[in-house]
């Protein structure tokens, strides 16, 4: 389900707006399939994305657009977190670390399945 949603997100016209915003260096927010997805140029390098549980979405930083594969992995990672996380109501550092690791592993395995 996460892979299917990632394909829908990446192929949507709204996602093209995120890519254009990256190229222009300006923030933008779009709604794709009920998810608020943002491009935020001020997210520090080293961070591709940040999950936004409250608004059912995520923000992508410059690092996310450093390559096509990194962009795909970021979308997969963030959608996996939104679909599986148990931390939306608050969590310990250990749980956050565990879920982040699981999302990272999922994105690494699933990126080859995207068309």
C-alpha atoms as a PDB file:
ATOM      1  CA  UNK A   1       0.000   0.000   0.000  1.00  0.00           C
ATOM      2  CA  UNK A   2       2.828   2.419   0.846  1.00  0.00           C
ATOM      3  CA  UNK A   3       4.580   1.701  -2.460  1.00  0.00           C
ATOM      4  CA  UNK A   4       1.347   2.284  -4.377  1.00  0.00           C
ATOM      5  CA  UNK A   5       0.744   5.567  -2.552  1.00  0.00           C
ATOM      6  CA  UNK A   6       4.333   6.666  -3.196  1.00  0.00           C
ATOM      7  CA  UNK A   7       3.850   6.016  -6.915  1.00  0.00           C
ATOM      8  CA  UNK A   8       0.673   8.101  -6.869  1.00  0.00           C
ATOM      9  CA  UNK A   9       2.376  10.932  -4.991  1.00  0.00           C
ATOM     10  CA  UNK A  10       5.452  11.062  -7.220  1.00  0.00           C
ATOM     11  CA  UNK A  11       3.482  10.921 -10.467  1.00  0.00           C
ATOM     12  CA  UNK A  12       0.957  13.597  -9.436  1.00  0.00           C
ATOM     13  CA  UNK A  13       0.955  17.071 -10.991  1.00  0.00           C
ATOM     14  CA  UNK A  14       1.147  18.536  -7.479  1.00  0.00           C
ATOM     15  CA  UNK A  15       4.458  16.775  -6.860  1.00  0.00           C
ATOM     16  CA  UNK A  16       5.873  18.586  -9.879  1.00  0.00           C
ATOM     17  CA  UNK A  17       5.120  21.806  -7.969  1.00  0.00           C
ATOM     18  CA  UNK A  18       7.359  20.583  -5.136  1.00  0.00           C
ATOM     19  CA  UNK A  19      10.171  19.935  -7.608  1.00  0.00           C
ATOM     20  CA  UNK A  20       9.713  23.388  -9.148  1.00  0.00           C
ATOM     21  CA  UNK A  21       9.820  24.962  -5.688  1.00  0.00           C
ATOM     22  CA  UNK A  22      13.071  23.119  -4.965  1.00  0.00           C
ATOM     23  CA  UNK A  23      14.614  24.489  -8.162  1.00  0.00           C
ATOM     24  CA  UNK A  24      13.418  28.004  -7.292  1.00  0.00           C
ATOM     25  CA  UNK A  25      14.478  27.704  -3.644  1.00  0.00           C
ATOM     26  CA  UNK A  26      11.067  28.692  -2.310  1.00  0.00           C
ATOM     27  CA  UNK A  27       8.728  26.855   0.066  1.00  0.00           C
ATOM     28  CA  UNK A  28       5.437  25.420  -1.131  1.00  0.00           C
ATOM     29  CA  UNK A  29       2.674  23.207   0.267  1.00  0.00           C
ATOM     30  CA  UNK A  30       0.506  20.847  -1.769  1.00  0.00           C
ATOM     31  CA  UNK A  31      -2.222  18.359  -0.962  1.00  0.00           C
ATOM     32  CA  UNK A  32      -1.822  14.975  -2.602  1.00  0.00           C
ATOM     33  CA  UNK A  33      -4.373  12.305  -1.802  1.00  0.00           C
ATOM     34  CA  UNK A  34      -5.257  13.915   1.508  1.00  0.00           C
ATOM     35  CA  UNK A  35      -1.633  14.348   2.567  1.00  0.00           C
ATOM     36  CA  UNK A  36      -0.103  17.767   3.142  1.00  0.00           C
ATOM     37  CA  UNK A  37       3.338  17.650   1.549  1.00  0.00           C
ATOM     38  CA  UNK A  38       5.672  20.600   1.744  1.00  0.00           C
ATOM     39  CA  UNK A  39       8.980  21.648   0.304  1.00  0.00           C
ATOM     40  CA  UNK A  40      10.924  23.546   2.966  1.00  0.00           C
ATOM     41  CA  UNK A  41      14.316  24.844   1.807  1.00  0.00           C
ATOM     42  CA  UNK A  42      15.277  25.662   5.412  1.00  0.00           C
ATOM     43  CA  UNK A  43      15.329  22.047   6.573  1.00  0.00           C
ATOM     44  CA  UNK A  44      19.018  21.511   7.429  1.00  0.00           C
ATOM     45  CA  UNK A  45      21.147  19.490   5.023  1.00  0.00           C
ATOM     46  CA  UNK A  46      21.434  15.943   6.240  1.00  0.00           C
ATOM     47  CA  UNK A  47      17.658  15.730   6.670  1.00  0.00           C
ATOM     48  CA  UNK A  48      15.632  14.711   3.646  1.00  0.00           C
ATOM     49  CA  UNK A  49      12.238  14.893   5.287  1.00  0.00           C
ATOM     50  CA  UNK A  50      10.311  15.502   8.459  1.00  0.00           C
ATOM     51  CA  UNK A  51       7.070  13.726   9.324  1.00  0.00           C
ATOM     52  CA  UNK A  52       4.099  15.914  10.259  1.00  0.00           C
ATOM     53  CA  UNK A  53       1.704  13.609  12.095  1.00  0.00           C
ATOM     54  CA  UNK A  54      -0.703  16.391  13.071  1.00  0.00           C
ATOM     55  CA  UNK A  55      -1.345  17.412   9.472  1.00  0.00           C
ATOM     56  CA  UNK A  56      -1.093  13.892   8.020  1.00  0.00           C
ATOM     57  CA  UNK A  57       1.866  14.709   5.841  1.00  0.00           C
ATOM     58  CA  UNK A  58       5.515  15.600   5.703  1.00  0.00           C
ATOM     59  CA  UNK A  59       8.022  18.217   4.650  1.00  0.00           C
ATOM     60  CA  UNK A  60      10.869  17.590   2.243  1.00  0.00           C
ATOM     61  CA  UNK A  61      14.143  19.490   2.344  1.00  0.00           C
ATOM     62  CA  UNK A  62      16.849  20.183  -0.233  1.00  0.00           C
ATOM     63  CA  UNK A  63      18.567  16.878   0.546  1.00  0.00           C
ATOM     64  CA  UNK A  64      15.455  15.005  -0.642  1.00  0.00           C
ATOM     65  CA  UNK A  65      15.928  16.391  -4.146  1.00  0.00           C
ATOM     66  CA  UNK A  66      19.671  15.703  -4.382  1.00  0.00           C
ATOM     67  CA  UNK A  67      18.923  12.718  -6.662  1.00  0.00           C
ATOM     68  CA  UNK A  68      15.919  10.874  -8.048  1.00  0.00           C
ATOM     69  CA  UNK A  69      16.640   7.928  -5.775  1.00  0.00           C
ATOM     70  CA  UNK A  70      16.896  10.109  -2.657  1.00  0.00           C
ATOM     71  CA  UNK A  71      13.593  11.779  -3.554  1.00  0.00           C
ATOM     72  CA  UNK A  72      11.899   8.393  -3.960  1.00  0.00           C
ATOM     73  CA  UNK A  73      13.375   7.090  -0.712  1.00  0.00           C
ATOM     74  CA  UNK A  74      12.226  10.201   1.134  1.00  0.00           C
ATOM     75  CA  UNK A  75       8.640   9.790  -0.057  1.00  0.00           C
ATOM     76  CA  UNK A  76       8.687   6.069   0.814  1.00  0.00           C
ATOM     77  CA  UNK A  77      10.235   6.745   4.221  1.00  0.00           C
ATOM     78  CA  UNK A  78       7.733   9.430   5.176  1.00  0.00           C
ATOM     79  CA  UNK A  79       4.691   7.510   3.927  1.00  0.00           C
ATOM     80  CA  UNK A  80       5.877   4.423   5.823  1.00  0.00           C
ATOM     81  CA  UNK A  81       6.134   6.488   9.014  1.00  0.00           C
ATOM     82  CA  UNK A  82       2.649   7.907   8.531  1.00  0.00           C
ATOM     83  CA  UNK A  83       1.173   4.455   7.827  1.00  0.00           C
ATOM     84  CA  UNK A  84       2.852   2.520  10.620  1.00  0.00           C
ATOM     85  CA  UNK A  85       3.953   4.841  13.409  1.00  0.00           C
ATOM     86  CA  UNK A  86       2.845   4.432  16.986  1.00  0.00           C
ATOM     87  CA  UNK A  87       4.400   7.736  18.110  1.00  0.00           C
ATOM     88  CA  UNK A  88       1.782  10.240  16.956  1.00  0.00           C
ATOM     89  CA  UNK A  89       0.611  10.687  20.539  1.00  0.00           C
ATOM     90  CA  UNK A  90       4.122  11.012  21.952  1.00  0.00           C
ATOM     91  CA  UNK A  91       6.952   8.591  22.367  1.00  0.00           C
ATOM     92  CA  UNK A  92      10.291   7.802  23.869  1.00  0.00           C
ATOM     93  CA  UNK A  93      13.540   8.443  22.062  1.00  0.00           C
ATOM     94  CA  UNK A  94      14.029   4.692  21.716  1.00  0.00           C
ATOM     95  CA  UNK A  95      10.721   4.247  19.883  1.00  0.00           C
ATOM     96  CA  UNK A  96      11.455   7.169  17.573  1.00  0.00           C
ATOM     97  CA  UNK A  97      14.851   5.675  16.750  1.00  0.00           C
ATOM     98  CA  UNK A  98      13.322   2.240  16.149  1.00  0.00           C
ATOM     99  CA  UNK A  99      10.601   3.569  13.847  1.00  0.00           C
ATOM    100  CA  UNK A 100      13.031   5.774  11.936  1.00  0.00           C
ATOM    101  CA  UNK A 101      15.284   2.769  11.373  1.00  0.00           C
ATOM    102  CA  UNK A 102      12.369   0.645  10.187  1.00  0.00           C
ATOM    103  CA  UNK A 103      11.233   3.364   7.764  1.00  0.00           C
ATOM    104  CA  UNK A 104      14.776   3.753   6.438  1.00  0.00           C
ATOM    105  CA  UNK A 105      15.119   0.000   5.868  1.00  0.00           C
ATOM    106  CA  UNK A 106      11.725  -0.114   4.151  1.00  0.00           C
ATOM    107  CA  UNK A 107      12.648   2.745   1.808  1.00  0.00           C
ATOM    108  CA  UNK A 108      15.951   1.091   0.901  1.00  0.00           C
ATOM    109  CA  UNK A 109      14.171  -2.174   0.033  1.00  0.00           C
ATOM    110  CA  UNK A 110      11.139  -0.635  -1.690  1.00  0.00           C
ATOM    111  CA  UNK A 111      12.809   2.007  -3.873  1.00  0.00           C
ATOM    112  CA  UNK A 112      13.390  -0.549  -6.635  1.00  0.00           C
ATOM    113  CA  UNK A 113       9.637  -1.223  -6.819  1.00  0.00           C
ATOM    114  CA  UNK A 114       8.782   2.341  -7.852  1.00  0.00           C
ATOM    115  CA  UNK A 115       8.180   2.907 -11.543  1.00  0.00           C
END
